[in-house]
Amino acid sequence: MKSVIQAILAASAALVATAAATTGATAAASRPGPERIVYETGPCFGFCPSYRVTVSSTGEGLFEGGRFTAVTGSQRFRVTPAQFAAFRDRLRGDRPRSERLLGGKPACRTIATDQITVDVRWAGGAAPPSHLHAYFGCDMDLNAALFRRLADAPKALPIADFIGTTRRPK
């Protein structure tokens, strides 16, 4: 009888240990990872800066200058938690639940040509990944406030010197 009780106690202890380990692993897996935002501008007909910037809640930043930027190529930088939060907050109200593509028919009633695009992708954190693609020539009057918010969002990041002023080709 004593050996049966010992076997039951040993099996119970093993079950408790397994449950604790599983719960700990599940809790770790359910914790959201770092947030990451990728913000990219596309070219226009004129001299609009074209670049991609990737920032993470861990403080890492990568600027990739394309056309008409002060810095071309890749440039790493750091963001403070306050800078990341300000950038995220400027974009928060326009973040779709999954994907929003604003450009072309039927999404746009009127379309002006040769305008810029802004493409924003969110990943990590507590929310599911999402994507916003905005062509600034789509219903310009209706979407003016959205376009202004998107254009102003990078001002929260320390990248103004990388973007520079609109630079014309030599």
Protein backbone atom coordinates (compact mmCIF):
# COMPACT_ATOMS: atom_id res chain seq x y z
CA MET A 1 0.00 0.00 0.00
CA LYS A 2 2.85 2.34 0.90
CA SER A 3 4.41 1.84 -2.55
CA VAL A 4 1.08 2.59 -4.28
CA ILE A 5 0.76 5.86 -2.35
CA GLN A 6 4.39 6.74 -3.20
CA ALA A 7 3.71 6.01 -6.89
CA ILE A 8 0.59 8.18 -6.85
CA LEU A 9 2.49 11.03 -5.14
CA ALA A 10 5.37 10.74 -7.62
CA ALA A 11 2.96 10.78 -10.58
CA SER A 12 1.13 13.80 -9.10
CA ALA A 13 4.39 15.67 -8.63
CA ALA A 14 5.37 14.92 -12.22
CA LEU A 15 2.01 16.22 -13.46
CA VAL A 16 2.34 19.42 -11.40
CA ALA A 17 5.88 20.00 -12.73
CA THR A 18 4.74 19.42 -16.31
CA ALA A 19 1.78 21.77 -15.89
CA ALA A 20 4.01 24.46 -14.38
CA ALA A 21 6.54 24.15 -17.20
CA THR A 22 3.80 24.24 -19.85
CA THR A 23 2.15 27.26 -18.24
CA GLY A 24 5.49 29.09 -18.10
CA ALA A 25 6.22 28.30 -21.75
CA THR A 26 2.72 29.35 -22.79
CA ALA A 27 3.00 32.62 -20.86
CA ALA A 28 6.36 33.36 -22.49
CA ALA A 29 5.00 32.53 -25.94
CA SER A 30 1.93 34.74 -25.43
CA ARG A 31 3.98 37.78 -24.39
CA PRO A 32 4.11 40.19 -27.31
CA GLY A 33 7.50 40.71 -28.91
CA PRO A 34 8.99 44.08 -29.79
CA GLU A 35 6.95 46.32 -32.03
CA ARG A 36 8.30 47.23 -35.45
CA ILE A 37 7.08 49.82 -37.93
CA VAL A 38 8.28 50.05 -41.52
CA TYR A 39 7.47 53.38 -43.19
CA GLU A 40 8.28 53.79 -46.87
CA THR A 41 7.74 56.62 -49.32
CA GLY A 42 7.50 55.98 -53.02
CA PRO A 43 8.65 58.26 -55.82
CA CYS A 44 6.59 60.95 -57.47
CA PHE A 45 6.96 62.64 -60.84
CA GLY A 46 9.01 65.47 -59.30
CA PHE A 47 11.74 65.51 -56.69
CA CYS A 48 10.01 63.83 -53.74
CA PRO A 49 12.32 62.04 -51.29
CA SER A 50 12.01 58.28 -51.62
CA TYR A 51 13.15 56.27 -48.60
CA ARG A 52 12.35 53.48 -46.16
CA VAL A 53 12.69 53.71 -42.40
CA THR A 54 12.33 50.78 -40.03
CA VAL A 55 12.07 51.39 -36.28
CA SER A 56 11.62 49.03 -33.38
CA SER A 57 10.46 49.47 -29.81
CA THR A 58 13.90 48.06 -28.89
CA GLY A 59 15.43 51.37 -30.04
CA GLU A 60 16.87 50.16 -33.32
CA GLY A 61 16.36 52.18 -36.47
CA LEU A 62 17.41 51.78 -40.09
CA PHE A 63 17.09 54.51 -42.70
CA GLU A 64 17.44 53.47 -46.34
CA GLY A 65 17.71 56.50 -48.58
CA GLY A 66 16.71 56.20 -52.19
CA ARG A 67 16.09 59.13 -54.51
CA PHE A 68 16.28 62.80 -53.55
CA THR A 69 17.38 62.24 -49.95
CA ALA A 70 20.42 63.75 -48.21
CA VAL A 71 21.67 60.25 -47.36
CA THR A 72 21.47 57.41 -49.84
CA GLY A 73 21.98 53.82 -48.83
CA SER A 74 21.61 52.40 -45.32
CA GLN A 75 22.14 54.37 -42.14
CA ARG A 76 21.55 52.88 -38.68
CA PHE A 77 20.30 55.08 -35.84
CA ARG A 78 18.77 54.80 -32.37
CA VAL A 79 15.36 55.93 -31.19
CA THR A 80 14.42 56.62 -27.61
CA PRO A 81 11.29 54.99 -26.19
CA ALA A 82 9.63 58.44 -26.34
CA GLN A 83 10.53 58.90 -30.01
CA PHE A 84 9.24 55.45 -30.91
CA ALA A 85 6.02 56.06 -28.96
CA ALA A 86 5.51 59.46 -30.63
CA PHE A 87 5.98 57.92 -34.10
CA ARG A 88 3.66 55.01 -33.29
CA ASP A 89 1.08 57.38 -31.82
CA ARG A 90 1.10 59.62 -34.90
CA LEU A 91 0.20 56.58 -37.00
CA ARG A 92 -2.06 54.79 -34.49
CA GLY A 93 -5.38 56.28 -35.56
CA ASP A 94 -4.81 55.31 -39.18
CA ARG A 95 -3.64 51.75 -38.52
CA PRO A 96 -6.08 49.31 -40.14
CA ARG A 97 -7.10 46.06 -38.47
CA SER A 98 -5.44 44.11 -41.27
CA GLU A 99 -4.87 45.88 -44.59
CA ARG A 100 -6.05 49.07 -46.27
CA LEU A 101 -5.06 49.85 -49.84
CA LEU A 102 -5.88 53.40 -50.81
CA GLY A 103 -5.05 53.94 -54.45
CA GLY A 104 -6.57 53.06 -57.79
CA LYS A 105 -10.09 52.08 -58.64
CA PRO A 106 -12.48 51.27 -56.99
CA ALA A 107 -10.93 52.63 -53.76
CA CYS A 108 -10.62 56.14 -55.25
CA ARG A 109 -13.36 58.14 -56.94
CA THR A 110 -10.88 60.68 -58.32
CA ILE A 111 -7.18 60.13 -58.92
CA ALA A 112 -4.48 62.75 -59.51
CA THR A 113 -1.37 61.42 -61.20
CA ASP A 114 2.29 61.68 -60.19
CA GLN A 115 1.77 61.87 -56.41
CA ILE A 116 3.76 60.04 -53.73
CA THR A 117 2.82 56.86 -51.92
CA VAL A 118 3.34 56.02 -48.28
CA ASP A 119 3.39 52.38 -47.28
CA VAL A 120 3.29 51.52 -43.56
CA ARG A 121 3.61 48.04 -42.08
CA TRP A 122 3.18 47.25 -38.39
CA ALA A 123 4.36 44.01 -36.77
CA GLY A 124 4.97 42.67 -33.28
CA GLY A 125 3.49 44.05 -30.12
CA ALA A 126 0.06 43.03 -28.93
CA ALA A 127 -1.83 43.74 -32.19
CA PRO A 128 -1.77 41.52 -35.28
CA PRO A 129 0.34 42.66 -38.25
CA SER A 130 -1.26 45.30 -40.45
CA HIS A 131 -0.56 47.29 -43.59
CA LEU A 132 -1.61 50.69 -44.96
CA HIS A 133 -0.80 51.72 -48.52
CA ALA A 134 -1.80 55.30 -49.36
CA TYR A 135 -1.44 56.95 -52.76
CA PHE A 136 -1.62 60.70 -52.14
CA GLY A 137 -3.44 61.28 -55.44
CA CYS A 138 -6.48 59.27 -54.29
CA ASP A 139 -9.44 61.53 -53.50
CA MET A 140 -7.08 64.30 -52.42
CA ASP A 141 -9.77 66.48 -50.83
CA LEU A 142 -11.38 63.64 -48.87
CA ASN A 143 -8.05 62.21 -47.68
CA ALA A 144 -6.11 65.43 -47.09
CA ALA A 145 -6.01 65.01 -43.30
CA LEU A 146 -4.81 61.38 -43.59
CA PHE A 147 -2.10 62.36 -46.06
CA ARG A 148 -0.95 65.20 -43.80
CA ARG A 149 -0.72 62.85 -40.79
CA LEU A 150 1.22 60.28 -42.81
CA ALA A 151 3.59 62.91 -44.20
CA ASP A 152 4.19 64.40 -40.73
CA ALA A 153 4.72 61.10 -38.85
CA PRO A 154 8.49 60.81 -39.58
CA LYS A 155 9.05 64.18 -37.87
CA ALA A 156 8.85 62.23 -34.59
CA LEU A 157 12.03 60.35 -35.53
CA PRO A 158 15.63 61.63 -35.60
CA ILE A 159 15.93 61.26 -39.39
CA ALA A 160 15.45 64.81 -40.71
CA ASP A 161 19.15 65.08 -41.61
CA PHE A 162 18.93 61.81 -43.56
CA ILE A 163 15.92 62.98 -45.56
CA GLY A 164 17.23 66.52 -46.03
CA THR A 165 15.48 69.06 -48.15
CA THR A 166 14.24 68.17 -51.59
CA ARG A 167 17.37 67.71 -53.63
CA ARG A 168 17.43 68.10 -57.38
CA PRO A 169 19.70 65.96 -59.53
CA LYS A 170 23.02 67.52 -60.57
